[in-house]
Amino acid sequence: MNNNSYNIVVHVVNLILLGAIGVLAFFSVVNISPVQDPIGDIFTFGLLGFLLVMWAVNYWFQYKKQKWSLPIAGTILYVVIALFVMGVVMPFLRHIIEA
């Protein structure tokens, strides 16, 4: 196994994931509407914290194990879990809190 090429792939893939989290964070913070939603701000902060922790664990696991299948599988699993949390879990929790 070529260690340098594996490290480059892992770093690039995880920088792309971190960039996606950064874009999501930027557009979650920039709000041009005058209506303030403190509950939504708390959920956004929790979601971004969860995504960052999940990204850090994924990155550490890929870097430590150094198997070529992990960058692909880890990235796909990360995206699936993130979409599930953003699309199902967060609206459900928000509905429970507001009810």
Protein backbone atom coordinates (compact mmCIF):
# COMPACT_ATOMS: atom_id res chain seq x y z
CA MET A 1 0.00 0.00 0.00
CA ASN A 2 1.32 3.41 -0.93
CA ASN A 3 0.99 5.36 2.30
CA ASN A 4 1.43 8.81 0.77
CA SER A 5 -1.32 8.42 -1.82
CA TYR A 6 -3.69 7.01 0.80
CA ASN A 7 -3.03 10.00 3.10
CA ILE A 8 -3.62 12.42 0.24
CA VAL A 9 -6.95 10.76 -0.63
CA VAL A 10 -8.10 10.75 3.01
CA HIS A 11 -7.14 14.39 3.52
CA VAL A 12 -8.81 15.58 0.30
CA VAL A 13 -12.02 13.64 0.93
CA ASN A 14 -12.27 14.94 4.48
CA LEU A 15 -11.49 18.51 3.43
CA ILE A 16 -14.40 18.29 1.00
CA LEU A 17 -16.66 17.05 3.81
CA LEU A 18 -15.43 19.82 6.11
CA GLY A 19 -16.06 22.36 3.35
CA ALA A 20 -19.63 21.11 3.00
CA ILE A 21 -20.13 21.53 6.76
CA GLY A 22 -18.69 25.05 6.48
CA VAL A 23 -21.07 25.98 3.67
CA LEU A 24 -23.99 24.57 5.66
CA ALA A 25 -22.88 26.53 8.73
CA PHE A 26 -22.49 29.75 6.73
CA PHE A 27 -25.96 29.55 5.22
CA SER A 28 -27.46 28.53 8.56
CA VAL A 29 -25.99 31.58 10.31
CA VAL A 30 -26.70 34.15 7.58
CA ASN A 31 -30.38 34.98 7.95
CA ILE A 32 -31.74 38.02 6.13
CA SER A 33 -35.28 37.72 7.50
CA PRO A 34 -36.16 39.93 10.47
CA VAL A 35 -37.93 37.09 12.31
CA GLN A 36 -35.72 35.54 14.99
CA ASP A 37 -36.18 31.88 15.88
CA PRO A 38 -34.22 30.98 19.04
CA ILE A 39 -35.38 27.34 18.97
CA GLY A 40 -34.16 27.01 15.39
CA ASP A 41 -30.82 28.56 16.34
CA ILE A 42 -30.36 25.99 19.11
CA PHE A 43 -31.18 23.14 16.73
CA THR A 44 -28.81 24.54 14.10
CA PHE A 45 -26.00 24.78 16.64
CA GLY A 46 -26.68 21.21 17.81
CA LEU A 47 -26.77 19.93 14.24
CA LEU A 48 -23.49 21.61 13.33
CA GLY A 49 -21.87 20.27 16.51
CA PHE A 50 -23.11 16.77 15.72
CA LEU A 51 -21.83 16.99 12.13
CA LEU A 52 -18.41 18.17 13.28
CA VAL A 53 -18.07 15.43 15.91
CA MET A 54 -19.20 12.79 13.43
CA TRP A 55 -16.73 14.16 10.84
CA ALA A 56 -13.86 14.07 13.36
CA VAL A 57 -14.60 10.45 14.30
CA ASN A 58 -14.85 9.48 10.63
CA TYR A 59 -11.57 11.24 9.83
CA TRP A 60 -9.72 9.69 12.78
CA PHE A 61 -11.00 6.21 11.94
CA GLN A 62 -9.95 6.52 8.27
CA TYR A 63 -6.53 7.85 9.17
CA LYS A 64 -5.88 5.24 11.88
CA LYS A 65 -7.00 2.07 10.01
CA GLN A 66 -5.53 3.01 6.60
CA LYS A 67 -7.63 0.71 4.44
CA TRP A 68 -8.59 1.87 0.97
CA SER A 69 -12.27 1.01 1.36
CA LEU A 70 -12.72 3.33 4.34
CA PRO A 71 -12.62 6.72 2.56
CA ILE A 72 -15.40 5.66 0.20
CA ALA A 73 -17.50 3.76 2.74
CA GLY A 74 -16.93 6.34 5.48
CA THR A 75 -17.92 9.22 3.23
CA ILE A 76 -21.05 7.49 1.96
CA LEU A 77 -22.05 6.52 5.50
CA TYR A 78 -21.36 10.06 6.73
CA VAL A 79 -23.58 11.58 4.02
CA VAL A 80 -26.39 9.08 4.68
CA ILE A 81 -26.32 9.68 8.45
CA ALA A 82 -26.13 13.47 8.00
CA LEU A 83 -29.10 13.51 5.61
CA PHE A 84 -31.08 11.25 7.93
CA VAL A 85 -30.39 13.49 10.92
CA MET A 86 -31.17 16.69 8.99
CA GLY A 87 -34.26 15.30 7.27
CA VAL A 88 -35.87 13.08 9.89
CA VAL A 89 -34.41 13.45 13.39
CA MET A 90 -34.15 17.25 13.63
CA PRO A 91 -37.69 17.99 12.34
CA PHE A 92 -39.04 15.29 14.69
CA LEU A 93 -37.23 16.77 17.69
CA ARG A 94 -38.36 20.26 16.73
CA HIS A 95 -41.97 19.08 16.47
CA ILE A 96 -41.72 17.49 19.92
CA ILE A 97 -40.21 20.65 21.47
CA GLU A 98 -42.76 23.00 19.89
CA ALA A 99 -45.79 20.84 20.71
